[in-house]
């Protein structure tokens, strides 16, 4: 989050390794949900 990722990305990326997700994929798939869904 401090690096600039939104809230949803920060959560999903923090668990990406646990679920076997690529970090970039995790950031993209969750990117629309920040700011209370699309701000």
ModelCIF file with pLDDT and N, C-alpha, C, O atoms, coordinates in Angstrom:
data_MODEL
#
_entry.id   MODEL 
#
_entity.id                         1 
_entity.type                       polymer 
_entity.pdbx_number_of_molecules   1 
#
_entity_poly.entity_id                      1 
_entity_poly.type                           'polypeptide(L)' 
_entity_poly.nstd_linkage                   no 
_entity_poly.nstd_monomer                   no 
_entity_poly.pdbx_seq_one_letter_code       
;(UNK)(UNK)(UNK)(UNK)(UNK)(UNK)(UNK)(UNK)(UNK)(UNK)(UNK)(UNK)(UNK)(UNK)(UNK)(UNK)
(UNK)(UNK)(UNK)(UNK)(UNK)(UNK)(UNK)(UNK)(UNK)(UNK)(UNK)(UNK)(UNK)(UNK)(UNK)(UNK)
(UNK)(UNK)(UNK)(UNK)(UNK)(UNK)(UNK)
;
_entity_poly.pdbx_seq_one_letter_code_can   XXXXXXXXXXXXXXXXXXXXXXXXXXXXXXXXXXXXXXX 
_entity_poly.pdbx_strand_id                 A 
#
loop_
_entity_poly_seq.entity_id 
_entity_poly_seq.num 
_entity_poly_seq.mon_id 
_entity_poly_seq.hetero 
1 1  UNK n 
1 2  UNK n 
1 3  UNK n 
1 4  UNK n 
1 5  UNK n 
1 6  UNK n 
1 7  UNK n 
1 8  UNK n 
1 9  UNK n 
1 10 UNK n 
1 11 UNK n 
1 12 UNK n 
1 13 UNK n 
1 14 UNK n 
1 15 UNK n 
1 16 UNK n 
1 17 UNK n 
1 18 UNK n 
1 19 UNK n 
1 20 UNK n 
1 21 UNK n 
1 22 UNK n 
1 23 UNK n 
1 24 UNK n 
1 25 UNK n 
1 26 UNK n 
1 27 UNK n 
1 28 UNK n 
1 29 UNK n 
1 30 UNK n 
1 31 UNK n 
1 32 UNK n 
1 33 UNK n 
1 34 UNK n 
1 35 UNK n 
1 36 UNK n 
1 37 UNK n 
1 38 UNK n 
1 39 UNK n 
#
_struct_asym.id          A 
_struct_asym.entity_id   1 
#
loop_
_ma_qa_metric.id 
_ma_qa_metric.mode 
_ma_qa_metric.name 
_ma_qa_metric.software_group_id 
_ma_qa_metric.type 
1 global pLDDT . pLDDT 
2 local  pLDDT . pLDDT 
#
_ma_qa_metric_global.metric_id      1 
_ma_qa_metric_global.metric_value   97.56 
_ma_qa_metric_global.model_id       1 
_ma_qa_metric_global.ordinal_id     1 
#
loop_
_ma_qa_metric_local.label_asym_id 
_ma_qa_metric_local.label_comp_id 
_ma_qa_metric_local.label_seq_id 
_ma_qa_metric_local.metric_id 
_ma_qa_metric_local.metric_value 
_ma_qa_metric_local.model_id 
_ma_qa_metric_local.ordinal_id 
A UNK 1  2 98.00 1 1  
A UNK 2  2 98.00 1 2  
A UNK 3  2 98.00 1 3  
A UNK 4  2 98.00 1 4  
A UNK 5  2 98.00 1 5  
A UNK 6  2 98.00 1 6  
A UNK 7  2 97.00 1 7  
A UNK 8  2 98.00 1 8  
A UNK 9  2 98.00 1 9  
A UNK 10 2 98.00 1 10 
A UNK 11 2 98.00 1 11 
A UNK 12 2 98.00 1 12 
A UNK 13 2 98.00 1 13 
A UNK 14 2 98.00 1 14 
A UNK 15 2 97.00 1 15 
A UNK 16 2 98.00 1 16 
A UNK 17 2 97.00 1 17 
A UNK 18 2 97.00 1 18 
A UNK 19 2 96.00 1 19 
A UNK 20 2 97.00 1 20 
A UNK 21 2 97.00 1 21 
A UNK 22 2 97.00 1 22 
A UNK 23 2 96.00 1 23 
A UNK 24 2 98.00 1 24 
A UNK 25 2 98.00 1 25 
A UNK 26 2 98.00 1 26 
A UNK 27 2 98.00 1 27 
A UNK 28 2 98.00 1 28 
A UNK 29 2 98.00 1 29 
A UNK 30 2 98.00 1 30 
A UNK 31 2 98.00 1 31 
A UNK 32 2 98.00 1 32 
A UNK 33 2 98.00 1 33 
A UNK 34 2 97.00 1 34 
A UNK 35 2 96.00 1 35 
A UNK 36 2 97.00 1 36 
A UNK 37 2 98.00 1 37 
A UNK 38 2 97.00 1 38 
A UNK 39 2 97.00 1 39 
#
loop_
_atom_site.group_PDB 
_atom_site.id 
_atom_site.type_symbol 
_atom_site.label_atom_id 
_atom_site.label_alt_id 
_atom_site.label_comp_id 
_atom_site.label_asym_id 
_atom_site.label_entity_id 
_atom_site.label_seq_id 
_atom_site.pdbx_PDB_ins_code 
_atom_site.Cartn_x 
_atom_site.Cartn_y 
_atom_site.Cartn_z 
_atom_site.occupancy 
_atom_site.B_iso_or_equiv 
_atom_site.pdbx_formal_charge 
_atom_site.auth_seq_id 
_atom_site.auth_comp_id 
_atom_site.auth_asym_id 
_atom_site.auth_atom_id 
_atom_site.pdbx_PDB_model_num 
ATOM 1   N N  . UNK A 1 1  ? 0.835   -1.194  0.000   1.00 98.00 ? 1  UNK A N  1 
ATOM 2   C CA . UNK A 1 1  ? 0.000   0.000   0.000   1.00 98.00 ? 1  UNK A CA 1 
ATOM 3   C C  . UNK A 1 1  ? 0.882   1.262   0.000   1.00 98.00 ? 1  UNK A C  1 
ATOM 4   O O  . UNK A 1 1  ? 0.606   2.216   -0.727  1.00 98.00 ? 1  UNK A O  1 
ATOM 5   N N  . UNK A 1 2  ? 1.918   1.257   0.801   1.00 98.00 ? 2  UNK A N  1 
ATOM 6   C CA . UNK A 1 2  ? 2.828   2.412   0.863   1.00 98.00 ? 2  UNK A CA 1 
ATOM 7   C C  . UNK A 1 2  ? 3.588   2.608   -0.440  1.00 98.00 ? 2  UNK A C  1 
ATOM 8   O O  . UNK A 1 2  ? 4.039   3.713   -0.742  1.00 98.00 ? 2  UNK A O  1 
ATOM 9   N N  . UNK A 1 3  ? 3.731   1.533   -1.215  1.00 98.00 ? 3  UNK A N  1 
ATOM 10  C CA . UNK A 1 3  ? 4.393   1.630   -2.530  1.00 98.00 ? 3  UNK A CA 1 
ATOM 11  C C  . UNK A 1 3  ? 3.459   2.214   -3.579  1.00 98.00 ? 3  UNK A C  1 
ATOM 12  O O  . UNK A 1 3  ? 3.903   2.571   -4.670  1.00 98.00 ? 3  UNK A O  1 
ATOM 13  N N  . UNK A 1 4  ? 2.157   2.319   -3.260  1.00 98.00 ? 4  UNK A N  1 
ATOM 14  C CA . UNK A 1 4  ? 1.212   2.904   -4.195  1.00 98.00 ? 4  UNK A CA 1 
ATOM 15  C C  . UNK A 1 4  ? 0.146   1.958   -4.711  1.00 98.00 ? 4  UNK A C  1 
ATOM 16  O O  . UNK A 1 4  ? -0.717  2.371   -5.486  1.00 98.00 ? 4  UNK A O  1 
ATOM 17  N N  . UNK A 1 5  ? 0.185   0.705   -4.302  1.00 98.00 ? 5  UNK A N  1 
ATOM 18  C CA . UNK A 1 5  ? -0.876  -0.222  -4.687  1.00 98.00 ? 5  UNK A CA 1 
ATOM 19  C C  . UNK A 1 5  ? -2.144  0.125   -3.914  1.00 98.00 ? 5  UNK A C  1 
ATOM 20  O O  . UNK A 1 5  ? -2.076  0.664   -2.809  1.00 98.00 ? 5  UNK A O  1 
ATOM 21  N N  . UNK A 1 6  ? -3.301  -0.185  -4.499  1.00 98.00 ? 6  UNK A N  1 
ATOM 22  C CA . UNK A 1 6  ? -4.537  0.106   -3.782  1.00 98.00 ? 6  UNK A CA 1 
ATOM 23  C C  . UNK A 1 6  ? -4.792  -0.956  -2.706  1.00 98.00 ? 6  UNK A C  1 
ATOM 24  O O  . UNK A 1 6  ? -4.043  -1.927  -2.594  1.00 98.00 ? 6  UNK A O  1 
ATOM 25  N N  . UNK A 1 7  ? -5.837  -0.765  -1.931  1.00 97.00 ? 7  UNK A N  1 
ATOM 26  C CA . UNK A 1 7  ? -6.132  -1.665  -0.796  1.00 97.00 ? 7  UNK A CA 1 
ATOM 27  C C  . UNK A 1 7  ? -6.351  -3.104  -1.245  1.00 97.00 ? 7  UNK A C  1 
ATOM 28  O O  . UNK A 1 7  ? -5.797  -4.031  -0.655  1.00 97.00 ? 7  UNK A O  1 
ATOM 29  N N  . UNK A 1 8  ? -7.154  -3.294  -2.283  1.00 98.00 ? 8  UNK A N  1 
ATOM 30  C CA . UNK A 1 8  ? -7.438  -4.646  -2.769  1.00 98.00 ? 8  UNK A CA 1 
ATOM 31  C C  . UNK A 1 8  ? -6.162  -5.311  -3.274  1.00 98.00 ? 8  UNK A C  1 
ATOM 32  O O  . UNK A 1 8  ? -5.895  -6.471  -2.959  1.00 98.00 ? 8  UNK A O  1 
ATOM 33  N N  . UNK A 1 9  ? -5.384  -4.585  -4.050  1.00 98.00 ? 9  UNK A N  1 
ATOM 34  C CA . UNK A 1 9  ? -4.123  -5.129  -4.553  1.00 98.00 ? 9  UNK A CA 1 
ATOM 35  C C  . UNK A 1 9  ? -3.202  -5.512  -3.400  1.00 98.00 ? 9  UNK A C  1 
ATOM 36  O O  . UNK A 1 9  ? -2.571  -6.569  -3.428  1.00 98.00 ? 9  UNK A O  1 
ATOM 37  N N  . UNK A 1 10 ? -3.128  -4.668  -2.406  1.00 98.00 ? 10 UNK A N  1 
ATOM 38  C CA . UNK A 1 10 ? -2.243  -4.918  -1.273  1.00 98.00 ? 10 UNK A CA 1 
ATOM 39  C C  . UNK A 1 10 ? -2.601  -6.207  -0.557  1.00 98.00 ? 10 UNK A C  1 
ATOM 40  O O  . UNK A 1 10 ? -1.716  -6.957  -0.146  1.00 98.00 ? 10 UNK A O  1 
ATOM 41  N N  . UNK A 1 11 ? -3.890  -6.470  -0.406  1.00 98.00 ? 11 UNK A N  1 
ATOM 42  C CA . UNK A 1 11 ? -4.333  -7.701  0.252   1.00 98.00 ? 11 UNK A CA 1 
ATOM 43  C C  . UNK A 1 11 ? -4.036  -8.908  -0.630  1.00 98.00 ? 11 UNK A C  1 
ATOM 44  O O  . UNK A 1 11 ? -3.427  -9.878  -0.178  1.00 98.00 ? 11 UNK A O  1 
ATOM 45  N N  . UNK A 1 12 ? -4.464  -8.850  -1.877  1.00 98.00 ? 12 UNK A N  1 
ATOM 46  C CA . UNK A 1 12 ? -4.299  -10.001 -2.767  1.00 98.00 ? 12 UNK A CA 1 
ATOM 47  C C  . UNK A 1 12 ? -2.819  -10.288 -3.008  1.00 98.00 ? 12 UNK A C  1 
ATOM 48  O O  . UNK A 1 12 ? -2.409  -11.449 -3.013  1.00 98.00 ? 12 UNK A O  1 
ATOM 49  N N  . UNK A 1 13 ? -2.027  -9.259  -3.204  1.00 98.00 ? 13 UNK A N  1 
ATOM 50  C CA . UNK A 1 13 ? -0.592  -9.463  -3.435  1.00 98.00 ? 13 UNK A CA 1 
ATOM 51  C C  . UNK A 1 13 ? 0.110   -10.039 -2.199  1.00 98.00 ? 13 UNK A C  1 
ATOM 52  O O  . UNK A 1 13 ? 1.056   -10.816 -2.331  1.00 98.00 ? 13 UNK A O  1 
ATOM 53  N N  . UNK A 1 14 ? -0.342  -9.669  -1.021  1.00 98.00 ? 14 UNK A N  1 
ATOM 54  C CA . UNK A 1 14 ? 0.269   -10.182 0.201   1.00 98.00 ? 14 UNK A CA 1 
ATOM 55  C C  . UNK A 1 14 ? 0.075   -11.693 0.346   1.00 98.00 ? 14 UNK A C  1 
ATOM 56  O O  . UNK A 1 14 ? 0.826   -12.354 1.063   1.00 98.00 ? 14 UNK A O  1 
ATOM 57  N N  . UNK A 1 15 ? -0.929  -12.228 -0.333  1.00 97.00 ? 15 UNK A N  1 
ATOM 58  C CA . UNK A 1 15 ? -1.214  -13.663 -0.277  1.00 97.00 ? 15 UNK A CA 1 
ATOM 59  C C  . UNK A 1 15 ? -0.941  -14.371 -1.601  1.00 97.00 ? 15 UNK A C  1 
ATOM 60  O O  . UNK A 1 15 ? -1.220  -15.563 -1.730  1.00 97.00 ? 15 UNK A O  1 
ATOM 61  N N  . UNK A 1 16 ? -0.404  -13.659 -2.580  1.00 98.00 ? 16 UNK A N  1 
ATOM 62  C CA . UNK A 1 16 ? -0.191  -14.243 -3.907  1.00 98.00 ? 16 UNK A CA 1 
ATOM 63  C C  . UNK A 1 16 ? 0.643   -15.520 -3.834  1.00 98.00 ? 16 UNK A C  1 
ATOM 64  O O  . UNK A 1 16 ? 0.293   -16.522 -4.457  1.00 98.00 ? 16 UNK A O  1 
ATOM 65  N N  . UNK A 1 17 ? 1.724   -15.493 -3.093  1.00 97.00 ? 17 UNK A N  1 
ATOM 66  C CA . UNK A 1 17 ? 2.576   -16.680 -3.002  1.00 97.00 ? 17 UNK A CA 1 
ATOM 67  C C  . UNK A 1 17 ? 1.839   -17.848 -2.363  1.00 97.00 ? 17 UNK A C  1 
ATOM 68  O O  . UNK A 1 17 ? 2.036   -18.997 -2.759  1.00 97.00 ? 17 UNK A O  1 
ATOM 69  N N  . UNK A 1 18 ? 1.001   -17.567 -1.386  1.00 97.00 ? 18 UNK A N  1 
ATOM 70  C CA . UNK A 1 18 ? 0.250   -18.609 -0.686  1.00 97.00 ? 18 UNK A CA 1 
ATOM 71  C C  . UNK A 1 18 ? -0.680  -19.364 -1.642  1.00 97.00 ? 18 UNK A C  1 
ATOM 72  O O  . UNK A 1 18 ? -0.858  -20.577 -1.525  1.00 97.00 ? 18 UNK A O  1 
ATOM 73  N N  . UNK A 1 19 ? -1.261  -18.633 -2.578  1.00 96.00 ? 19 UNK A N  1 
ATOM 74  C CA . UNK A 1 19 ? -2.197  -19.230 -3.526  1.00 96.00 ? 19 UNK A CA 1 
ATOM 75  C C  . UNK A 1 19 ? -1.541  -19.581 -4.868  1.00 96.00 ? 19 UNK A C  1 
ATOM 76  O O  . UNK A 1 19 ? -2.224  -20.004 -5.800  1.00 96.00 ? 19 UNK A O  1 
ATOM 77  N N  . UNK A 1 20 ? -0.241  -19.409 -4.961  1.00 97.00 ? 20 UNK A N  1 
ATOM 78  C CA . UNK A 1 20 ? 0.462   -19.749 -6.187  1.00 97.00 ? 20 UNK A CA 1 
ATOM 79  C C  . UNK A 1 20 ? 0.174   -18.804 -7.335  1.00 97.00 ? 20 UNK A C  1 
ATOM 80  O O  . UNK A 1 20 ? 0.228   -19.190 -8.503  1.00 97.00 ? 20 UNK A O  1 
ATOM 81  N N  . UNK A 1 21 ? -0.134  -17.553 -6.993  1.00 97.00 ? 21 UNK A N  1 
ATOM 82  C CA . UNK A 1 21 ? -0.418  -16.549 -8.015  1.00 97.00 ? 21 UNK A CA 1 
ATOM 83  C C  . UNK A 1 21 ? 0.837   -15.752 -8.323  1.00 97.00 ? 21 UNK A C  1 
ATOM 84  O O  . UNK A 1 21 ? 1.634   -15.457 -7.432  1.00 97.00 ? 21 UNK A O  1 
ATOM 85  N N  . UNK A 1 22 ? 1.002   -15.413 -9.570  1.00 97.00 ? 22 UNK A N  1 
ATOM 86  C CA . UNK A 1 22 ? 2.045   -14.489 -9.973  1.00 97.00 ? 22 UNK A CA 1 
ATOM 87  C C  . UNK A 1 22 ? 1.705   -13.118 -9.393  1.00 97.00 ? 22 UNK A C  1 
ATOM 88  O O  . UNK A 1 22 ? 0.554   -12.686 -9.457  1.00 97.00 ? 22 UNK A O  1 
ATOM 89  N N  . UNK A 1 23 ? 2.688   -12.440 -8.834  1.00 96.00 ? 23 UNK A N  1 
ATOM 90  C CA . UNK A 1 23 ? 2.444   -11.151 -8.185  1.00 96.00 ? 23 UNK A CA 1 
ATOM 91  C C  . UNK A 1 23 ? 1.851   -10.121 -9.145  1.00 96.00 ? 23 UNK A C  1 
ATOM 92  O O  . UNK A 1 23 ? 0.941   -9.381  -8.772  1.00 96.00 ? 23 UNK A O  1 
ATOM 93  N N  . UNK A 1 24 ? 2.356   -10.069 -10.375 1.00 98.00 ? 24 UNK A N  1 
ATOM 94  C CA . UNK A 1 24 ? 1.831   -9.112  -11.357 1.00 98.00 ? 24 UNK A CA 1 
ATOM 95  C C  . UNK A 1 24 ? 0.372   -9.449  -11.699 1.00 98.00 ? 24 UNK A C  1 
ATOM 96  O O  . UNK A 1 24 ? -0.457  -8.550  -11.837 1.00 98.00 ? 24 UNK A O  1 
ATOM 97  N N  . UNK A 1 25 ? 0.065   -10.739 -11.833 1.00 98.00 ? 25 UNK A N  1 
ATOM 98  C CA . UNK A 1 25 ? -1.317  -11.154 -12.094 1.00 98.00 ? 25 UNK A CA 1 
ATOM 99  C C  . UNK A 1 25 ? -2.208  -10.745 -10.932 1.00 98.00 ? 25 UNK A C  1 
ATOM 100 O O  . UNK A 1 25 ? -3.308  -10.234 -11.146 1.00 98.00 ? 25 UNK A O  1 
ATOM 101 N N  . UNK A 1 26 ? -1.750  -10.962 -9.708  1.00 98.00 ? 26 UNK A N  1 
ATOM 102 C CA . UNK A 1 26 ? -2.521  -10.590 -8.518  1.00 98.00 ? 26 UNK A CA 1 
ATOM 103 C C  . UNK A 1 26 ? -2.815  -9.091  -8.520  1.00 98.00 ? 26 UNK A C  1 
ATOM 104 O O  . UNK A 1 26 ? -3.924  -8.669  -8.194  1.00 98.00 ? 26 UNK A O  1 
ATOM 105 N N  . UNK A 1 27 ? -1.816  -8.292  -8.890  1.00 98.00 ? 27 UNK A N  1 
ATOM 106 C CA . UNK A 1 27 ? -2.010  -6.836  -8.944  1.00 98.00 ? 27 UNK A CA 1 
ATOM 107 C C  . UNK A 1 27 ? -3.034  -6.453  -10.008 1.00 98.00 ? 27 UNK A C  1 
ATOM 108 O O  . UNK A 1 27 ? -3.872  -5.580  -9.780  1.00 98.00 ? 27 UNK A O  1 
ATOM 109 N N  . UNK A 1 28 ? -2.969  -7.099  -11.159 1.00 98.00 ? 28 UNK A N  1 
ATOM 110 C CA . UNK A 1 28 ? -3.896  -6.768  -12.249 1.00 98.00 ? 28 UNK A CA 1 
ATOM 111 C C  . UNK A 1 28 ? -5.321  -7.208  -11.949 1.00 98.00 ? 28 UNK A C  1 
ATOM 112 O O  . UNK A 1 28 ? -6.265  -6.449  -12.173 1.00 98.00 ? 28 UNK A O  1 
ATOM 113 N N  . UNK A 1 29 ? -5.486  -8.427  -11.445 1.00 98.00 ? 29 UNK A N  1 
ATOM 114 C CA . UNK A 1 29 ? -6.828  -8.964  -11.227 1.00 98.00 ? 29 UNK A CA 1 
ATOM 115 C C  . UNK A 1 29 ? -7.580  -8.209  -10.127 1.00 98.00 ? 29 UNK A C  1 
ATOM 116 O O  . UNK A 1 29 ? -8.809  -8.150  -10.138 1.00 98.00 ? 29 UNK A O  1 
ATOM 117 N N  . UNK A 1 30 ? -6.843  -7.637  -9.188  1.00 98.00 ? 30 UNK A N  1 
ATOM 118 C CA . UNK A 1 30 ? -7.466  -6.914  -8.076  1.00 98.00 ? 30 UNK A CA 1 
ATOM 119 C C  . UNK A 1 30 ? -7.448  -5.398  -8.264  1.00 98.00 ? 30 UNK A C  1 
ATOM 120 O O  . UNK A 1 30 ? -7.996  -4.664  -7.442  1.00 98.00 ? 30 UNK A O  1 
ATOM 121 N N  . UNK A 1 31 ? -6.830  -4.936  -9.328  1.00 98.00 ? 31 UNK A N  1 
ATOM 122 C CA . UNK A 1 31 ? -6.638  -3.503  -9.541  1.00 98.00 ? 31 UNK A CA 1 
ATOM 123 C C  . UNK A 1 31 ? -7.899  -2.667  -9.608  1.00 98.00 ? 31 UNK A C  1 
ATOM 124 O O  . UNK A 1 31 ? -7.878  -1.496  -9.228  1.00 98.00 ? 31 UNK A O  1 
ATOM 125 N N  . UNK A 1 32 ? -8.986  -3.229  -10.076 1.00 98.00 ? 32 UNK A N  1 
ATOM 126 C CA . UNK A 1 32 ? -10.235 -2.471  -10.237 1.00 98.00 ? 32 UNK A CA 1 
ATOM 127 C C  . UNK A 1 32 ? -10.999 -2.265  -8.940  1.00 98.00 ? 32 UNK A C  1 
ATOM 128 O O  . UNK A 1 32 ? -11.962 -1.500  -8.900  1.00 98.00 ? 32 UNK A O  1 
ATOM 129 N N  . UNK A 1 33 ? -10.576 -2.947  -7.876  1.00 98.00 ? 33 UNK A N  1 
ATOM 130 C CA . UNK A 1 33 ? -11.368 -2.950  -6.643  1.00 98.00 ? 33 UNK A CA 1 
ATOM 131 C C  . UNK A 1 33 ? -10.923 -1.929  -5.604  1.00 98.00 ? 33 UNK A C  1 
ATOM 132 O O  . UNK A 1 33 ? -11.529 -1.836  -4.537  1.00 98.00 ? 33 UNK A O  1 
ATOM 133 N N  . UNK A 1 34 ? -9.890  -1.172  -5.891  1.00 97.00 ? 34 UNK A N  1 
ATOM 134 C CA . UNK A 1 34 ? -9.415  -0.170  -4.951  1.00 97.00 ? 34 UNK A CA 1 
ATOM 135 C C  . UNK A 1 34 ? -10.338 1.035   -4.886  1.00 97.00 ? 34 UNK A C  1 
ATOM 136 O O  . UNK A 1 34 ? -11.133 1.286   -5.792  1.00 97.00 ? 34 UNK A O  1 
ATOM 137 N N  . UNK A 1 35 ? -10.212 1.769   -3.798  1.00 96.00 ? 35 UNK A N  1 
ATOM 138 C CA . UNK A 1 35 ? -11.019 2.975   -3.624  1.00 96.00 ? 35 UNK A CA 1 
ATOM 139 C C  . UNK A 1 35 ? -12.502 2.677   -3.523  1.00 96.00 ? 35 UNK A C  1 
ATOM 140 O O  . UNK A 1 35 ? -13.338 3.486   -3.926  1.00 96.00 ? 35 UNK A O  1 
ATOM 141 N N  . UNK A 1 36 ? -12.821 1.514   -2.982  1.00 97.00 ? 36 UNK A N  1 
ATOM 142 C CA . UNK A 1 36 ? -14.229 1.140   -2.859  1.00 97.00 ? 36 UNK A CA 1 
ATOM 143 C C  . UNK A 1 36 ? -14.820 0.762   -4.202  1.00 97.00 ? 36 UNK A C  1 
ATOM 144 O O  . UNK A 1 36 ? -15.951 1.132   -4.518  1.00 97.00 ? 36 UNK A O  1 
ATOM 145 N N  . UNK A 1 37 ? -14.064 0.034   -4.984  1.00 98.00 ? 37 UNK A N  1 
ATOM 146 C CA . UNK A 1 37 ? -14.364 -0.423  -6.344  1.00 98.00 ? 37 UNK A CA 1 
ATOM 147 C C  . UNK A 1 37 ? -14.316 0.771   -7.308  1.00 98.00 ? 37 UNK A C  1 
ATOM 148 O O  . UNK A 1 37 ? -15.246 1.572   -7.403  1.00 98.00 ? 37 UNK A O  1 
ATOM 149 N N  . UNK A 1 38 ? -13.200 0.846   -8.003  1.00 97.00 ? 38 UNK A N  1 
ATOM 150 C CA . UNK A 1 38 ? -13.037 1.890   -9.014  1.00 97.00 ? 38 UNK A CA 1 
ATOM 151 C C  . UNK A 1 38 ? -13.138 3.303   -8.481  1.00 97.00 ? 38 UNK A C  1 
ATOM 152 O O  . UNK A 1 38 ? -13.595 4.207   -9.180  1.00 97.00 ? 38 UNK A O  1 
ATOM 153 N N  . UNK A 1 39 ? -12.710 3.496   -7.238  1.00 97.00 ? 39 UNK A N  1 
ATOM 154 C CA . UNK A 1 39 ? -12.746 4.802   -6.567  1.00 97.00 ? 39 UNK A CA 1 
ATOM 155 C C  . UNK A 1 39 ? -14.157 5.361   -6.441  1.00 97.00 ? 39 UNK A C  1 
ATOM 156 O O  . UNK A 1 39 ? -14.343 6.450   -5.899  1.00 97.00 ? 39 UNK A O  1 
#
